[in-house]
């Protein structure tokens, strides 16, 4: 199962809907706040890094 690192500022309705849709589609989703350390920590383990940039 492919993993997606989902970077977002805060958890809200939209980010929850995106995460839910990805999980329903069969992806393993790792959610992290906007932070360079998050990207460094998980970049080798994820097939895709998705940034949600609303209000950033």
PDB file of N, CA and C in Angstrom:
ATOM      1  N   UNK A   1       0.838  -1.172   0.000  1.00  0.00           N
ATOM      2  CA  UNK A   1       0.000   0.000   0.000  1.00  0.00           C
ATOM      3  C   UNK A   1       0.890   1.244   0.000  1.00  0.00           C
ATOM      4  N   UNK A   2       0.634   2.159  -0.891  1.00  0.00           N
ATOM      5  CA  UNK A   2       1.422   3.383  -0.996  1.00  0.00           C
ATOM      6  C   UNK A   2       1.083   4.347   0.139  1.00  0.00           C
ATOM      7  N   UNK A   3       2.100   5.040   0.610  1.00  0.00           N
ATOM      8  CA  UNK A   3       1.905   6.025   1.668  1.00  0.00           C
ATOM      9  C   UNK A   3       1.976   7.434   1.109  1.00  0.00           C
ATOM     10  N   UNK A   4       1.132   8.296   1.651  1.00  0.00           N
ATOM     11  CA  UNK A   4       1.111   9.703   1.283  1.00  0.00           C
ATOM     12  C   UNK A   4       1.342  10.513   2.543  1.00  0.00           C
ATOM     13  N   UNK A   5       2.285  11.442   2.481  1.00  0.00           N
ATOM     14  CA  UNK A   5       2.498  12.378   3.573  1.00  0.00           C
ATOM     15  C   UNK A   5       1.649  13.604   3.275  1.00  0.00           C
ATOM     16  N   UNK A   6       0.690  13.870   4.135  1.00  0.00           N
ATOM     17  CA  UNK A   6      -0.232  14.983   3.953  1.00  0.00           C
ATOM     18  C   UNK A   6       0.145  16.083   4.939  1.00  0.00           C
ATOM     19  N   UNK A   7       0.710  17.173   4.398  1.00  0.00           N
ATOM     20  CA  UNK A   7       1.153  18.307   5.199  1.00  0.00           C
ATOM     21  C   UNK A   7       0.060  19.367   5.162  1.00  0.00           C
ATOM     22  N   UNK A   8      -0.388  19.792   6.347  1.00  0.00           N
ATOM     23  CA  UNK A   8      -1.423  20.831   6.418  1.00  0.00           C
ATOM     24  C   UNK A   8      -1.194  21.669   7.654  1.00  0.00           C
ATOM     25  N   UNK A   9      -1.703  22.902   7.640  1.00  0.00           N
ATOM     26  CA  UNK A   9      -1.528  23.803   8.773  1.00  0.00           C
ATOM     27  C   UNK A   9      -2.375  23.354   9.960  1.00  0.00           C
ATOM     28  N   UNK A  10      -3.632  23.056   9.699  1.00  0.00           N
ATOM     29  CA  UNK A  10      -4.534  22.640  10.765  1.00  0.00           C
ATOM     30  C   UNK A  10      -5.522  21.615  10.236  1.00  0.00           C
ATOM     31  N   UNK A  11      -6.065  20.832  11.127  1.00  0.00           N
ATOM     32  CA  UNK A  11      -7.073  19.852  10.737  1.00  0.00           C
ATOM     33  C   UNK A  11      -8.431  20.545  10.723  1.00  0.00           C
ATOM     34  N   UNK A  12      -9.127  20.429   9.602  1.00  0.00           N
ATOM     35  CA  UNK A  12     -10.446  21.038   9.472  1.00  0.00           C
ATOM     36  C   UNK A  12     -11.312  20.149   8.596  1.00  0.00           C
ATOM     37  N   UNK A  13     -12.487  20.622   8.241  1.00  0.00           N
ATOM     38  CA  UNK A  13     -13.399  19.813   7.438  1.00  0.00           C
ATOM     39  C   UNK A  13     -12.762  19.365   6.122  1.00  0.00           C
ATOM     40  N   UNK A  14     -12.119  20.285   5.429  1.00  0.00           N
ATOM     41  CA  UNK A  14     -11.552  19.964   4.116  1.00  0.00           C
ATOM     42  C   UNK A  14     -10.413  18.964   4.223  1.00  0.00           C
ATOM     43  N   UNK A  15      -9.500  19.171   5.173  1.00  0.00           N
ATOM     44  CA  UNK A  15      -8.378  18.237   5.305  1.00  0.00           C
ATOM     45  C   UNK A  15      -8.867  16.861   5.734  1.00  0.00           C
ATOM     46  N   UNK A  16      -9.896  16.825   6.579  1.00  0.00           N
ATOM     47  CA  UNK A  16     -10.470  15.537   6.987  1.00  0.00           C
ATOM     48  C   UNK A  16     -11.123  14.828   5.804  1.00  0.00           C
ATOM     49  N   UNK A  17     -11.793  15.589   4.942  1.00  0.00           N
ATOM     50  CA  UNK A  17     -12.420  15.005   3.755  1.00  0.00           C
ATOM     51  C   UNK A  17     -11.368  14.462   2.788  1.00  0.00           C
ATOM     52  N   UNK A  18     -10.293  15.195   2.600  1.00  0.00           N
ATOM     53  CA  UNK A  18      -9.212  14.732   1.718  1.00  0.00           C
ATOM     54  C   UNK A  18      -8.588  13.464   2.277  1.00  0.00           C
ATOM     55  N   UNK A  19      -8.263  13.479   3.559  1.00  0.00           N
ATOM     56  CA  UNK A  19      -7.662  12.304   4.200  1.00  0.00           C
ATOM     57  C   UNK A  19      -8.600  11.103   4.099  1.00  0.00           C
ATOM     58  N   UNK A  20      -9.873  11.317   4.394  1.00  0.00           N
ATOM     59  CA  UNK A  20     -10.850  10.230   4.315  1.00  0.00           C
ATOM     60  C   UNK A  20     -10.952   9.639   2.916  1.00  0.00           C
ATOM     61  N   UNK A  21     -10.945  10.499   1.908  1.00  0.00           N
ATOM     62  CA  UNK A  21     -11.009  10.024   0.523  1.00  0.00           C
ATOM     63  C   UNK A  21      -9.784   9.221   0.124  1.00  0.00           C
ATOM     64  N   UNK A  22      -8.626   9.666   0.565  1.00  0.00           N
ATOM     65  CA  UNK A  22      -7.393   8.935   0.250  1.00  0.00           C
ATOM     66  C   UNK A  22      -7.368   7.572   0.939  1.00  0.00           C
ATOM     67  N   UNK A  23      -7.791   7.543   2.190  1.00  0.00           N
ATOM     68  CA  UNK A  23      -7.843   6.270   2.918  1.00  0.00           C
ATOM     69  C   UNK A  23      -8.849   5.332   2.269  1.00  0.00           C
ATOM     70  N   UNK A  24     -10.006   5.860   1.879  1.00  0.00           N
ATOM     71  CA  UNK A  24     -11.033   5.050   1.209  1.00  0.00           C
ATOM     72  C   UNK A  24     -10.512   4.485  -0.116  1.00  0.00           C
ATOM     73  N   UNK A  25      -9.623   5.238  -0.778  1.00  0.00           N
ATOM     74  CA  UNK A  25      -9.038   4.795  -2.046  1.00  0.00           C
ATOM     75  C   UNK A  25      -7.907   3.788  -1.835  1.00  0.00           C
ATOM     76  N   UNK A  26      -7.564   3.512  -0.573  1.00  0.00           N
ATOM     77  CA  UNK A  26      -6.574   2.484  -0.290  1.00  0.00           C
ATOM     78  C   UNK A  26      -5.180   2.979   0.046  1.00  0.00           C
ATOM     79  N   UNK A  27      -5.040   4.255   0.293  1.00  0.00           N
ATOM     80  CA  UNK A  27      -3.730   4.803   0.628  1.00  0.00           C
ATOM     81  C   UNK A  27      -3.526   4.857   2.137  1.00  0.00           C
ATOM     82  N   UNK A  28      -2.294   4.725   2.549  1.00  0.00           N
ATOM     83  CA  UNK A  28      -1.904   4.961   3.925  1.00  0.00           C
ATOM     84  C   UNK A  28      -1.523   6.436   4.008  1.00  0.00           C
ATOM     85  N   UNK A  29      -2.194   7.199   4.870  1.00  0.00           N
ATOM     86  CA  UNK A  29      -1.982   8.643   4.944  1.00  0.00           C
ATOM     87  C   UNK A  29      -1.340   8.995   6.282  1.00  0.00           C
ATOM     88  N   UNK A  30      -0.221   9.687   6.195  1.00  0.00           N
ATOM     89  CA  UNK A  30       0.439  10.230   7.375  1.00  0.00           C
ATOM     90  C   UNK A  30       0.157  11.719   7.392  1.00  0.00           C
ATOM     91  N   UNK A  31      -0.473  12.230   8.444  1.00  0.00           N
ATOM     92  CA  UNK A  31      -0.797  13.650   8.543  1.00  0.00           C
ATOM     93  C   UNK A  31       0.188  14.345   9.474  1.00  0.00           C
ATOM     94  N   UNK A  32       0.707  15.462   9.023  1.00  0.00           N
ATOM     95  CA  UNK A  32       1.663  16.236   9.812  1.00  0.00           C
ATOM     96  C   UNK A  32       1.394  17.724   9.617  1.00  0.00           C
ATOM     97  N   UNK A  33       1.682  18.533  10.633  1.00  0.00           N
ATOM     98  CA  UNK A  33       1.574  19.983  10.448  1.00  0.00           C
ATOM     99  C   UNK A  33       2.704  20.491   9.553  1.00  0.00           C
ATOM    100  N   UNK A  34       2.531  21.702   9.044  1.00  0.00           N
ATOM    101  CA  UNK A  34       3.551  22.315   8.189  1.00  0.00           C
ATOM    102  C   UNK A  34       4.829  22.476   9.007  1.00  0.00           C
ATOM    103  N   UNK A  35       5.867  21.751   8.580  1.00  0.00           N
ATOM    104  CA  UNK A  35       7.111  21.737   9.338  1.00  0.00           C
ATOM    105  C   UNK A  35       8.179  21.052   8.491  1.00  0.00           C
ATOM    106  N   UNK A  36       9.326  21.665   8.349  1.00  0.00           N
ATOM    107  CA  UNK A  36      10.411  21.080   7.561  1.00  0.00           C
ATOM    108  C   UNK A  36      10.836  19.734   8.142  1.00  0.00           C
ATOM    109  N   UNK A  37      10.829  19.614   9.450  1.00  0.00           N
ATOM    110  CA  UNK A  37      11.229  18.354  10.086  1.00  0.00           C
ATOM    111  C   UNK A  37      10.305  17.203   9.707  1.00  0.00           C
ATOM    112  N   UNK A  38       9.016  17.471   9.514  1.00  0.00           N
ATOM    113  CA  UNK A  38       8.077  16.438   9.101  1.00  0.00           C
ATOM    114  C   UNK A  38       8.458  15.876   7.741  1.00  0.00           C
ATOM    115  N   UNK A  39       8.808  16.770   6.837  1.00  0.00           N
ATOM    116  CA  UNK A  39       9.194  16.341   5.494  1.00  0.00           C
ATOM    117  C   UNK A  39      10.473  15.519   5.564  1.00  0.00           C
ATOM    118  N   UNK A  40      11.450  15.989   6.297  1.00  0.00           N
ATOM    119  CA  UNK A  40      12.717  15.264   6.425  1.00  0.00           C
ATOM    120  C   UNK A  40      12.506  13.879   7.033  1.00  0.00           C
ATOM    121  N   UNK A  41      11.656  13.791   8.044  1.00  0.00           N
ATOM    122  CA  UNK A  41      11.435  12.540   8.766  1.00  0.00           C
ATOM    123  C   UNK A  41      10.772  11.466   7.899  1.00  0.00           C
ATOM    124  N   UNK A  42       9.831  11.861   7.028  1.00  0.00           N
ATOM    125  CA  UNK A  42       9.037  10.879   6.294  1.00  0.00           C
ATOM    126  C   UNK A  42       9.308  10.810   4.787  1.00  0.00           C
ATOM    127  N   UNK A  43      10.162  11.649   4.245  1.00  0.00           N
ATOM    128  CA  UNK A  43      10.305  11.734   2.786  1.00  0.00           C
ATOM    129  C   UNK A  43      10.726  10.427   2.132  1.00  0.00           C
ATOM    130  N   UNK A  44      11.496   9.618   2.788  1.00  0.00           N
ATOM    131  CA  UNK A  44      11.942   8.346   2.204  1.00  0.00           C
ATOM    132  C   UNK A  44      10.870   7.260   2.273  1.00  0.00           C
ATOM    133  N   UNK A  45       9.904   7.416   3.167  1.00  0.00           N
ATOM    134  CA  UNK A  45       8.885   6.391   3.384  1.00  0.00           C
ATOM    135  C   UNK A  45       7.611   6.609   2.575  1.00  0.00           C
ATOM    136  N   UNK A  46       7.488   7.743   1.914  1.00  0.00           N
ATOM    137  CA  UNK A  46       6.246   8.095   1.237  1.00  0.00           C
ATOM    138  C   UNK A  46       6.435   8.182  -0.270  1.00  0.00           C
ATOM    139  N   UNK A  47       5.422   7.725  -0.986  1.00  0.00           N
ATOM    140  CA  UNK A  47       5.443   7.796  -2.441  1.00  0.00           C
ATOM    141  C   UNK A  47       5.079   9.197  -2.929  1.00  0.00           C
ATOM    142  N   UNK A  48       4.361   9.963  -2.082  1.00  0.00           N
ATOM    143  CA  UNK A  48       3.881  11.282  -2.481  1.00  0.00           C
ATOM    144  C   UNK A  48       3.809  12.171  -1.248  1.00  0.00           C
ATOM    145  N   UNK A  49       4.150  13.440  -1.423  1.00  0.00           N
ATOM    146  CA  UNK A  49       3.968  14.438  -0.375  1.00  0.00           C
ATOM    147  C   UNK A  49       2.941  15.430  -0.895  1.00  0.00           C
ATOM    148  N   UNK A  50       1.842  15.571  -0.161  1.00  0.00           N
ATOM    149  CA  UNK A  50       0.743  16.447  -0.545  1.00  0.00           C
ATOM    150  C   UNK A  50       0.682  17.617   0.431  1.00  0.00           C
ATOM    151  N   UNK A  51       0.752  18.850  -0.107  1.00  0.00           N
ATOM    152  CA  UNK A  51       0.671  20.056   0.712  1.00  0.00           C
ATOM    153  C   UNK A  51      -0.718  20.670   0.552  1.00  0.00           C
ATOM    154  N   UNK A  52      -1.371  20.923   1.659  1.00  0.00           N
ATOM    155  CA  UNK A  52      -2.632  21.670   1.650  1.00  0.00           C
ATOM    156  C   UNK A  52      -2.285  23.064   2.136  1.00  0.00           C
ATOM    157  N   UNK A  53      -2.390  24.063   1.259  1.00  0.00           N
ATOM    158  CA  UNK A  53      -1.851  25.387   1.546  1.00  0.00           C
ATOM    159  C   UNK A  53      -2.917  26.436   1.869  1.00  0.00           C
ATOM    160  N   UNK A  54      -4.095  26.038   2.236  1.00  0.00           N
ATOM    161  CA  UNK A  54      -5.136  27.001   2.585  1.00  0.00           C
ATOM    162  C   UNK A  54      -4.691  27.823   3.787  1.00  0.00           C
ATOM    163  N   UNK A  55      -4.703  29.126   3.650  1.00  0.00           N
ATOM    164  CA  UNK A  55      -4.388  30.077   4.724  1.00  0.00           C
ATOM    165  C   UNK A  55      -2.944  30.034   5.188  1.00  0.00           C
ATOM    166  N   UNK A  56      -2.024  29.584   4.372  1.00  0.00           N
ATOM    167  CA  UNK A  56      -0.607  29.590   4.758  1.00  0.00           C
ATOM    168  C   UNK A  56       0.046  30.799   4.118  1.00  0.00           C
TER     169      UNK A  56
END
